[in-house]
Amino acid sequence: MFFFCFRLNKMSSRERPVLFLCGDEKFGLGEFKKLEKLAIQMNVRVYDRSRKFDDNVTHVIYHSIGNAPQLTKSVMCGLAAGKWVVYHSFLVKSARKKSWTNEKAHLPYPACVELRKTNEISGPFIHMRAVIISNNDLKVEAYTSIIKAGGGIVYDKIKGIRDLSGRKWQRGDLTHVLLDLAFMKPMHRFYDLLADFIQTSKVLGNVRFLYSKYIPEYLREGGHVKEDRFDLLKPGVLSGYLRRVNQDGFIRSSHTCISLSCAFT
């Protein structure tokens, strides 16, 4: 897959930019229309609010005023796909100058540059054949889009632990299971089923069971994140995350991870 890595002002009309406009929780229709008007002045295509991110997008324009950038679904899709992810100031300044300014001066995430380099070779998730297990359907849909944008495969028909356990997997079919912490607690109703699958998955090759937070952290850090930090079967990893959640008042006790580590070794 080829991505345009040269400056916009050197692009031909056939290669003109395609902008995807998004923003924080304050980004409403009014802000969208203002940016859309600027994009039209620059003679570029803009995806309307009903369009989903796809590979035609060249720039994700992130609108934010005075707030720290948020890793929204659109931002993460852009990073994973090796697109320019820039603040809306990039478009504002370009329209004022009537010529394209340097994207690197408007990056909410410097990792964008590193991930663009990665995508010149292959997508960052090109070797990922994943299942996402979460009770949050929006999260599953978002992470599915992000991994696919980064060249990975997601078995999106696998909707939960029972589907995961019930499928007849072949060696090499599955490389990653991305999980929310709740599924790793012994009190969860599918805990035993998950434990059994983890044992049987050893014949499938090196399947990694990662805390789902791995995806946004990988993109935030430009790929400089080791999977071991999120591997819920590695000693101390699960207990560490549970202690952090416990400090925030969500889980009363994290001692249950001791029995969990015994079950999965």
C-alpha atoms as a PDB file:
ATOM      1  CA  MET A   1       0.000   0.000   0.000  1.00  0.00           C
ATOM      2  CA  PHE A   2       1.410   3.410  -0.966  1.00  0.00           C
ATOM      3  CA  PHE A   3       0.952   6.566   1.043  1.00  0.00           C
ATOM      4  CA  PHE A   4       1.788  10.062  -0.204  1.00  0.00           C
ATOM      5  CA  CYS A   5       4.732  11.248   1.843  1.00  0.00           C
ATOM      6  CA  PHE A   6       5.600  14.457   0.023  1.00  0.00           C
ATOM      7  CA  ARG A   7       4.364  17.963   0.675  1.00  0.00           C
ATOM      8  CA  LEU A   8       0.825  18.875  -0.302  1.00  0.00           C
ATOM      9  CA  ASN A   9       1.806  21.839  -2.386  1.00  0.00           C
ATOM     10  CA  LYS A  10       3.603  19.392  -4.721  1.00  0.00           C
ATOM     11  CA  MET A  11       0.548  17.238  -5.259  1.00  0.00           C
ATOM     12  CA  SER A  12      -1.205  17.109  -8.570  1.00  0.00           C
ATOM     13  CA  SER A  13      -4.927  17.770  -8.745  1.00  0.00           C
ATOM     14  CA  ARG A  14      -5.493  14.041  -9.088  1.00  0.00           C
ATOM     15  CA  GLU A  15      -3.757  13.539  -5.756  1.00  0.00           C
ATOM     16  CA  ARG A  16      -5.386  16.379  -3.915  1.00  0.00           C
ATOM     17  CA  PRO A  17      -5.929  15.882  -0.180  1.00  0.00           C
ATOM     18  CA  VAL A  18      -8.987  14.288   1.361  1.00  0.00           C
ATOM     19  CA  LEU A  19      -9.740  15.690   4.797  1.00  0.00           C
ATOM     20  CA  PHE A  20     -11.526  13.932   7.628  1.00  0.00           C
ATOM     21  CA  LEU A  21     -12.759  16.479  10.177  1.00  0.00           C
ATOM     22  CA  CYS A  22     -13.164  15.478  13.811  1.00  0.00           C
ATOM     23  CA  GLY A  23     -12.583  16.891  17.280  1.00  0.00           C
ATOM     24  CA  ASP A  24     -13.175  16.767  21.000  1.00  0.00           C
ATOM     25  CA  GLU A  25     -16.546  16.801  22.741  1.00  0.00           C
ATOM     26  CA  LYS A  26     -16.993  20.499  21.833  1.00  0.00           C
ATOM     27  CA  PHE A  27     -16.704  19.819  18.110  1.00  0.00           C
ATOM     28  CA  GLY A  28     -20.200  20.443  16.817  1.00  0.00           C
ATOM     29  CA  LEU A  29     -21.861  21.200  13.513  1.00  0.00           C
ATOM     30  CA  GLY A  30     -20.900  24.871  13.665  1.00  0.00           C
ATOM     31  CA  GLU A  31     -17.191  24.110  13.991  1.00  0.00           C
ATOM     32  CA  PHE A  32     -17.465  21.483  11.259  1.00  0.00           C
ATOM     33  CA  LYS A  33     -19.025  23.988   8.829  1.00  0.00           C
ATOM     34  CA  LYS A  34     -16.287  26.555   9.522  1.00  0.00           C
ATOM     35  CA  LEU A  35     -13.542  24.062   8.750  1.00  0.00           C
ATOM     36  CA  GLU A  36     -15.430  22.720   5.768  1.00  0.00           C
ATOM     37  CA  LYS A  37     -15.614  26.236   4.322  1.00  0.00           C
ATOM     38  CA  LEU A  38     -11.842  26.628   4.695  1.00  0.00           C
ATOM     39  CA  ALA A  39     -11.271  23.267   3.009  1.00  0.00           C
ATOM     40  CA  ILE A  40     -13.450  24.292   0.066  1.00  0.00           C
ATOM     41  CA  GLN A  41     -11.354  27.475  -0.259  1.00  0.00           C
ATOM     42  CA  MET A  42      -8.281  25.225  -0.508  1.00  0.00           C
ATOM     43  CA  ASN A  43     -10.006  23.116  -3.183  1.00  0.00           C
ATOM     44  CA  VAL A  44      -9.793  19.831  -1.309  1.00  0.00           C
ATOM     45  CA  ARG A  45     -12.299  17.089  -0.614  1.00  0.00           C
ATOM     46  CA  VAL A  46     -13.930  16.860   2.801  1.00  0.00           C
ATOM     47  CA  TYR A  47     -15.739  13.852   4.180  1.00  0.00           C
ATOM     48  CA  ASP A  48     -19.098  14.860   5.541  1.00  0.00           C
ATOM     49  CA  ARG A  49     -20.156  13.838   9.030  1.00  0.00           C
ATOM     50  CA  SER A  50     -21.925  10.709   7.808  1.00  0.00           C
ATOM     51  CA  ARG A  51     -18.806   9.246   6.164  1.00  0.00           C
ATOM     52  CA  LYS A  52     -16.567   6.769   7.930  1.00  0.00           C
ATOM     53  CA  PHE A  53     -12.796   6.892   7.821  1.00  0.00           C
ATOM     54  CA  ASP A  54     -11.284   4.980   4.903  1.00  0.00           C
ATOM     55  CA  ASP A  55      -7.980   4.720   3.069  1.00  0.00           C
ATOM     56  CA  ASN A  56      -8.787   7.630   0.728  1.00  0.00           C
ATOM     57  CA  VAL A  57      -8.293  10.024   3.637  1.00  0.00           C
ATOM     58  CA  THR A  58      -4.938  11.821   3.579  1.00  0.00           C
ATOM     59  CA  HIS A  59      -5.384  14.088   6.620  1.00  0.00           C
ATOM     60  CA  VAL A  60      -7.327  13.787   9.862  1.00  0.00           C
ATOM     61  CA  ILE A  61      -8.035  17.348  11.015  1.00  0.00           C
ATOM     62  CA  TYR A  62      -8.525  17.426  14.782  1.00  0.00           C
ATOM     63  CA  HIS A  63     -10.404  20.406  16.210  1.00  0.00           C
ATOM     64  CA  SER A  64      -9.498  21.412  19.754  1.00  0.00           C
ATOM     65  CA  ILE A  65      -9.234  24.720  21.584  1.00  0.00           C
ATOM     66  CA  GLY A  66      -7.165  24.744  24.758  1.00  0.00           C
ATOM     67  CA  ASN A  67      -7.715  21.066  25.547  1.00  0.00           C
ATOM     68  CA  ALA A  68      -5.278  18.185  25.499  1.00  0.00           C
ATOM     69  CA  PRO A  69      -5.817  16.035  22.391  1.00  0.00           C
ATOM     70  CA  GLN A  70      -7.991  12.968  22.743  1.00  0.00           C
ATOM     71  CA  LEU A  71      -7.295   9.621  21.112  1.00  0.00           C
ATOM     72  CA  THR A  72     -10.653   9.372  19.393  1.00  0.00           C
ATOM     73  CA  LYS A  73     -11.510   6.586  16.983  1.00  0.00           C
ATOM     74  CA  SER A  74     -10.844   8.847  13.980  1.00  0.00           C
ATOM     75  CA  VAL A  75      -7.488   9.992  15.349  1.00  0.00           C
ATOM     76  CA  MET A  76      -6.388   6.408  16.029  1.00  0.00           C
ATOM     77  CA  CYS A  77      -7.534   5.253  12.586  1.00  0.00           C
ATOM     78  CA  GLY A  78      -5.478   8.043  11.057  1.00  0.00           C
ATOM     79  CA  LEU A  79      -2.392   7.160  13.090  1.00  0.00           C
ATOM     80  CA  ALA A  80      -2.734   3.437  12.378  1.00  0.00           C
ATOM     81  CA  ALA A  81      -3.133   4.053   8.638  1.00  0.00           C
ATOM     82  CA  GLY A  82      -0.121   6.359   8.428  1.00  0.00           C
ATOM     83  CA  LYS A  83      -2.123   9.486   7.641  1.00  0.00           C
ATOM     84  CA  TRP A  84      -1.322  12.996   8.750  1.00  0.00           C
ATOM     85  CA  VAL A  85      -3.143  13.713  12.014  1.00  0.00           C
ATOM     86  CA  VAL A  86      -3.004  17.474  12.600  1.00  0.00           C
ATOM     87  CA  TYR A  87      -4.682  20.168  14.636  1.00  0.00           C
ATOM     88  CA  HIS A  88      -7.280  22.291  12.868  1.00  0.00           C
ATOM     89  CA  SER A  89      -4.753  25.152  13.015  1.00  0.00           C
ATOM     90  CA  PHE A  90      -3.054  23.450  10.048  1.00  0.00           C
ATOM     91  CA  LEU A  91      -6.102  24.106   7.877  1.00  0.00           C
ATOM     92  CA  VAL A  92      -6.714  27.583   9.305  1.00  0.00           C
ATOM     93  CA  LYS A  93      -3.144  28.722   8.680  1.00  0.00           C
ATOM     94  CA  SER A  94      -3.021  27.137   5.228  1.00  0.00           C
ATOM     95  CA  ALA A  95      -6.237  28.890   4.197  1.00  0.00           C
ATOM     96  CA  ARG A  96      -4.897  32.200   5.496  1.00  0.00           C
ATOM     97  CA  LYS A  97      -1.665  31.798   3.498  1.00  0.00           C
ATOM     98  CA  LYS A  98      -3.514  30.276   0.519  1.00  0.00           C
ATOM     99  CA  SER A  99      -0.839  27.587   0.414  1.00  0.00           C
ATOM    100  CA  TRP A 100      -0.199  24.469   2.426  1.00  0.00           C
ATOM    101  CA  THR A 101       1.832  24.880   5.580  1.00  0.00           C
ATOM    102  CA  ASN A 102       4.065  22.242   7.154  1.00  0.00           C
ATOM    103  CA  GLU A 103       2.073  19.500   8.887  1.00  0.00           C
ATOM    104  CA  LYS A 104       4.837  18.850  11.413  1.00  0.00           C
ATOM    105  CA  ALA A 105       4.156  22.214  13.075  1.00  0.00           C
ATOM    106  CA  HIS A 106       0.590  21.163  13.913  1.00  0.00           C
ATOM    107  CA  LEU A 107       0.845  17.627  15.294  1.00  0.00           C
ATOM    108  CA  PRO A 108      -1.216  16.705  18.378  1.00  0.00           C
ATOM    109  CA  TYR A 109       0.772  13.468  18.476  1.00  0.00           C
ATOM    110  CA  PRO A 110       4.414  13.512  17.337  1.00  0.00           C
ATOM    111  CA  ALA A 111       4.069   9.725  16.956  1.00  0.00           C
ATOM    112  CA  CYS A 112       2.295  10.522  13.679  1.00  0.00           C
ATOM    113  CA  VAL A 113       5.649  10.989  11.933  1.00  0.00           C
ATOM    114  CA  GLU A 114       7.008   7.668  13.187  1.00  0.00           C
ATOM    115  CA  LEU A 115       3.853   5.786  12.235  1.00  0.00           C
ATOM    116  CA  ARG A 116       3.929   7.285   8.747  1.00  0.00           C
ATOM    117  CA  LYS A 117       7.425   5.844   8.356  1.00  0.00           C
ATOM    118  CA  THR A 118       6.141   2.471   9.534  1.00  0.00           C
ATOM    119  CA  ASN A 119       3.354   2.554   6.961  1.00  0.00           C
ATOM    120  CA  GLU A 120       5.820   3.113   4.140  1.00  0.00           C
ATOM    121  CA  ILE A 121       6.774  -0.539   4.706  1.00  0.00           C
ATOM    122  CA  SER A 122       3.577  -2.064   6.091  1.00  0.00           C
ATOM    123  CA  GLY A 123       0.787  -1.243   8.507  1.00  0.00           C
ATOM    124  CA  PRO A 124       1.669  -1.423  12.220  1.00  0.00           C
ATOM    125  CA  PHE A 125      -0.859  -4.206  12.794  1.00  0.00           C
ATOM    126  CA  ILE A 126      -0.070  -6.173   9.634  1.00  0.00           C
ATOM    127  CA  HIS A 127       0.821  -9.296  11.648  1.00  0.00           C
ATOM    128  CA  MET A 128      -2.211  -9.100  13.937  1.00  0.00           C
ATOM    129  CA  ARG A 129      -5.082 -11.583  13.601  1.00  0.00           C
ATOM    130  CA  ALA A 130      -7.208 -10.552  16.526  1.00  0.00           C
ATOM    131  CA  VAL A 131     -10.358 -11.048  18.529  1.00  0.00           C
ATOM    132  CA  ILE A 132     -11.651  -8.191  20.688  1.00  0.00           C
ATOM    133  CA  ILE A 133     -13.557  -9.154  23.840  1.00  0.00           C
ATOM    134  CA  SER A 134     -15.443  -6.333  25.541  1.00  0.00           C
ATOM    135  CA  ASN A 135     -18.919  -5.598  26.851  1.00  0.00           C
ATOM    136  CA  ASN A 136     -18.681  -2.175  25.194  1.00  0.00           C
ATOM    137  CA  ASP A 137     -19.926  -2.577  21.612  1.00  0.00           C
ATOM    138  CA  LEU A 138     -18.698   0.895  20.613  1.00  0.00           C
ATOM    139  CA  LYS A 139     -15.218   0.031  21.830  1.00  0.00           C
ATOM    140  CA  VAL A 140     -15.227  -3.233  19.874  1.00  0.00           C
ATOM    141  CA  GLU A 141     -16.361  -1.429  16.720  1.00  0.00           C
ATOM    142  CA  ALA A 142     -13.741   1.304  17.171  1.00  0.00           C
ATOM    143  CA  TYR A 143     -10.818  -1.045  17.814  1.00  0.00           C
ATOM    144  CA  THR A 144     -11.901  -3.226  14.909  1.00  0.00           C
ATOM    145  CA  SER A 145     -11.726  -0.222  12.575  1.00  0.00           C
ATOM    146  CA  ILE A 146      -8.378   0.891  14.018  1.00  0.00           C
ATOM    147  CA  ILE A 147      -6.695  -2.498  13.663  1.00  0.00           C
ATOM    148  CA  LYS A 148      -8.005  -2.891  10.115  1.00  0.00           C
ATOM    149  CA  ALA A 149      -6.761   0.616   9.260  1.00  0.00           C
ATOM    150  CA  GLY A 150      -3.336  -0.539  10.415  1.00  0.00           C
ATOM    151  CA  GLY A 151      -3.381  -3.593   8.156  1.00  0.00           C
ATOM    152  CA  GLY A 152      -4.532  -6.154  10.702  1.00  0.00           C
ATOM    153  CA  ILE A 153      -7.335  -8.717  10.653  1.00  0.00           C
ATOM    154  CA  VAL A 154     -10.148  -8.786  13.206  1.00  0.00           C
ATOM    155  CA  TYR A 155     -12.566 -11.673  13.533  1.00  0.00           C
ATOM    156  CA  ASP A 156     -15.511  -9.372  14.102  1.00  0.00           C
ATOM    157  CA  LYS A 157     -18.062 -12.190  14.146  1.00  0.00           C
ATOM    158  CA  ILE A 158     -16.545 -13.428  17.407  1.00  0.00           C
ATOM    159  CA  LYS A 159     -18.687 -11.546  19.905  1.00  0.00           C
ATOM    160  CA  GLY A 160     -17.600 -13.000  23.231  1.00  0.00           C
ATOM    161  CA  ILE A 161     -15.873 -15.737  25.201  1.00  0.00           C
ATOM    162  CA  ARG A 162     -18.348 -18.409  24.100  1.00  0.00           C
ATOM    163  CA  ASP A 163     -17.785 -17.605  20.420  1.00  0.00           C
ATOM    164  CA  LEU A 164     -14.035 -17.527  20.986  1.00  0.00           C
ATOM    165  CA  SER A 165     -14.039 -20.882  22.739  1.00  0.00           C
ATOM    166  CA  GLY A 166     -16.526 -22.524  20.379  1.00  0.00           C
ATOM    167  CA  ARG A 167     -14.716 -21.785  17.123  1.00  0.00           C
ATOM    168  CA  LYS A 168     -12.428 -24.424  15.619  1.00  0.00           C
ATOM    169  CA  TRP A 169      -9.189 -22.508  15.262  1.00  0.00           C
ATOM    170  CA  GLN A 170      -6.251 -23.654  13.165  1.00  0.00           C
ATOM    171  CA  ARG A 171      -2.647 -22.962  14.044  1.00  0.00           C
ATOM    172  CA  GLY A 172      -1.737 -19.439  12.924  1.00  0.00           C
ATOM    173  CA  ASP A 173      -5.348 -18.266  12.665  1.00  0.00           C
ATOM    174  CA  LEU A 174      -5.196 -16.251  15.879  1.00  0.00           C
ATOM    175  CA  THR A 175      -2.352 -14.094  17.200  1.00  0.00           C
ATOM    176  CA  HIS A 176      -4.024 -11.733  19.688  1.00  0.00           C
ATOM    177  CA  VAL A 177      -6.988 -11.662  22.041  1.00  0.00           C
ATOM    178  CA  LEU A 178      -7.624  -8.122  23.289  1.00  0.00           C
ATOM    179  CA  LEU A 179      -9.552  -8.134  26.551  1.00  0.00           C
ATOM    180  CA  ASP A 180     -11.070  -5.827  29.113  1.00  0.00           C
ATOM    181  CA  LEU A 181      -9.883  -6.513  32.658  1.00  0.00           C
ATOM    182  CA  ALA A 182     -13.340  -7.628  33.800  1.00  0.00           C
ATOM    183  CA  PHE A 183     -13.048 -10.907  31.898  1.00  0.00           C
ATOM    184  CA  MET A 184      -9.871 -11.807  33.793  1.00  0.00           C
ATOM    185  CA  LYS A 185     -11.482 -11.782  37.222  1.00  0.00           C
ATOM    186  CA  PRO A 186     -12.527 -15.163  38.709  1.00  0.00           C
ATOM    187  CA  MET A 187     -15.956 -13.795  39.606  1.00  0.00           C
ATOM    188  CA  HIS A 188     -16.772 -13.258  35.923  1.00  0.00           C
ATOM    189  CA  ARG A 189     -19.302 -15.792  34.665  1.00  0.00           C
ATOM    190  CA  PHE A 190     -17.120 -16.789  31.702  1.00  0.00           C
ATOM    191  CA  TYR A 191     -13.863 -16.925  33.655  1.00  0.00           C
ATOM    192  CA  ASP A 192     -13.617 -20.738  33.638  1.00  0.00           C
ATOM    193  CA  LEU A 193     -14.422 -20.904  29.924  1.00  0.00           C
ATOM    194  CA  LEU A 194     -11.706 -18.340  29.218  1.00  0.00           C
ATOM    195  CA  ALA A 195      -9.210 -20.213  31.390  1.00  0.00           C
ATOM    196  CA  ASP A 196      -9.901 -23.426  29.473  1.00  0.00           C
ATOM    197  CA  PHE A 197      -9.447 -21.648  26.138  1.00  0.00           C
ATOM    198  CA  ILE A 198      -6.144 -20.140  27.242  1.00  0.00           C
ATOM    199  CA  GLN A 199      -4.871 -23.617  28.039  1.00  0.00           C
ATOM    200  CA  THR A 200      -6.031 -25.114  24.733  1.00  0.00           C
ATOM    201  CA  SER A 201      -4.789 -22.096  22.730  1.00  0.00           C
ATOM    202  CA  LYS A 202      -1.184 -23.170  23.356  1.00  0.00           C
ATOM    203  CA  VAL A 203      -1.422 -25.523  20.380  1.00  0.00           C
ATOM    204  CA  LEU A 204      -2.355 -22.566  18.128  1.00  0.00           C
ATOM    205  CA  GLY A 205       1.043 -20.934  18.428  1.00  0.00           C
ATOM    206  CA  ASN A 206       2.029 -17.796  20.294  1.00  0.00           C
ATOM    207  CA  VAL A 207      -1.386 -16.277  21.028  1.00  0.00           C
ATOM    208  CA  ARG A 208      -1.063 -13.134  23.157  1.00  0.00           C
ATOM    209  CA  PHE A 209      -3.813 -12.180  25.604  1.00  0.00           C
ATOM    210  CA  LEU A 210      -3.432  -8.418  25.934  1.00  0.00           C
ATOM    211  CA  TYR A 211      -5.201  -5.734  27.923  1.00  0.00           C
ATOM    212  CA  SER A 212      -7.145  -3.831  25.270  1.00  0.00           C
ATOM    213  CA  LYS A 213      -5.468  -0.584  26.333  1.00  0.00           C
ATOM    214  CA  TYR A 214      -2.507  -1.793  24.274  1.00  0.00           C
ATOM    215  CA  ILE A 215      -4.013  -0.358  21.062  1.00  0.00           C
ATOM    216  CA  PRO A 216      -4.249   3.331  22.078  1.00  0.00           C
ATOM    217  CA  GLU A 217      -0.944   3.201  23.960  1.00  0.00           C
ATOM    218  CA  TYR A 218       0.831   1.663  20.964  1.00  0.00           C
ATOM    219  CA  LEU A 219      -0.385   4.483  18.737  1.00  0.00           C
ATOM    220  CA  ARG A 220       0.284   7.207  21.306  1.00  0.00           C
ATOM    221  CA  GLU A 221       3.899   6.052  21.603  1.00  0.00           C
ATOM    222  CA  GLY A 222       4.448   5.600  17.871  1.00  0.00           C
ATOM    223  CA  GLY A 223       4.853   1.848  18.126  1.00  0.00           C
ATOM    224  CA  HIS A 224       7.526   1.995  20.811  1.00  0.00           C
ATOM    225  CA  VAL A 225       5.516  -0.174  23.194  1.00  0.00           C
ATOM    226  CA  LYS A 226       6.285  -3.761  24.110  1.00  0.00           C
ATOM    227  CA  GLU A 227       3.391  -6.211  24.168  1.00  0.00           C
ATOM    228  CA  ASP A 228       4.759  -7.693  27.396  1.00  0.00           C
ATOM    229  CA  ARG A 229       3.584  -4.586  29.259  1.00  0.00           C
ATOM    230  CA  PHE A 230      -0.011  -5.523  28.410  1.00  0.00           C
ATOM    231  CA  ASP A 231       0.230  -9.332  28.398  1.00  0.00           C
ATOM    232  CA  LEU A 232      -2.285 -10.370  31.045  1.00  0.00           C
ATOM    233  CA  LEU A 233      -0.660 -13.789  31.413  1.00  0.00           C
ATOM    234  CA  LYS A 234       2.752 -12.367  32.306  1.00  0.00           C
ATOM    235  CA  PRO A 235       3.509 -12.419  36.061  1.00  0.00           C
ATOM    236  CA  GLY A 236       2.578  -9.154  37.729  1.00  0.00           C
ATOM    237  CA  VAL A 237       0.917  -7.503  34.730  1.00  0.00           C
ATOM    238  CA  LEU A 238      -2.708  -8.237  35.603  1.00  0.00           C
ATOM    239  CA  SER A 239      -2.207  -7.581  39.314  1.00  0.00           C
ATOM    240  CA  GLY A 240      -0.589  -4.243  38.484  1.00  0.00           C
ATOM    241  CA  TYR A 241      -3.515  -3.097  36.374  1.00  0.00           C
ATOM    242  CA  LEU A 242      -6.039  -4.292  38.944  1.00  0.00           C
ATOM    243  CA  ARG A 243      -4.263  -2.361  41.698  1.00  0.00           C
ATOM    244  CA  ARG A 244      -4.443   0.816  39.605  1.00  0.00           C
ATOM    245  CA  VAL A 245      -8.137   0.323  38.976  1.00  0.00           C
ATOM    246  CA  ASN A 246      -8.669  -0.468  42.655  1.00  0.00           C
ATOM    247  CA  GLN A 247      -7.055   2.837  43.633  1.00  0.00           C
ATOM    248  CA  ASP A 248      -9.659   4.591  41.498  1.00  0.00           C
ATOM    249  CA  GLY A 249     -12.431   2.834  43.424  1.00  0.00           C
ATOM    250  CA  PHE A 250     -13.675   0.464  40.729  1.00  0.00           C
ATOM    251  CA  ILE A 251     -12.489  -2.874  42.143  1.00  0.00           C
ATOM    252  CA  ARG A 252     -12.567  -3.694  45.847  1.00  0.00           C
ATOM    253  CA  SER A 253      -9.795  -6.278  45.836  1.00  0.00           C
ATOM    254  CA  SER A 254      -7.050  -7.322  43.481  1.00  0.00           C
ATOM    255  CA  HIS A 255      -5.851 -10.395  45.376  1.00  0.00           C
ATOM    256  CA  THR A 256      -7.917 -12.591  43.043  1.00  0.00           C
ATOM    257  CA  CYS A 257      -5.205 -12.269  40.390  1.00  0.00           C
ATOM    258  CA  ILE A 258      -3.084 -14.675  42.438  1.00  0.00           C
ATOM    259  CA  SER A 259      -5.400 -17.585  41.729  1.00  0.00           C
ATOM    260  CA  LEU A 260      -5.693 -16.381  38.129  1.00  0.00           C
ATOM    261  CA  SER A 261      -1.941 -16.531  37.537  1.00  0.00           C
ATOM    262  CA  CYS A 262      -1.881 -20.065  38.935  1.00  0.00           C
ATOM    263  CA  ALA A 263      -4.679 -21.173  36.612  1.00  0.00           C
ATOM    264  CA  PHE A 264      -2.941 -19.862  33.499  1.00  0.00           C
ATOM    265  CA  THR A 265       0.630 -21.089  34.088  1.00  0.00           C
END
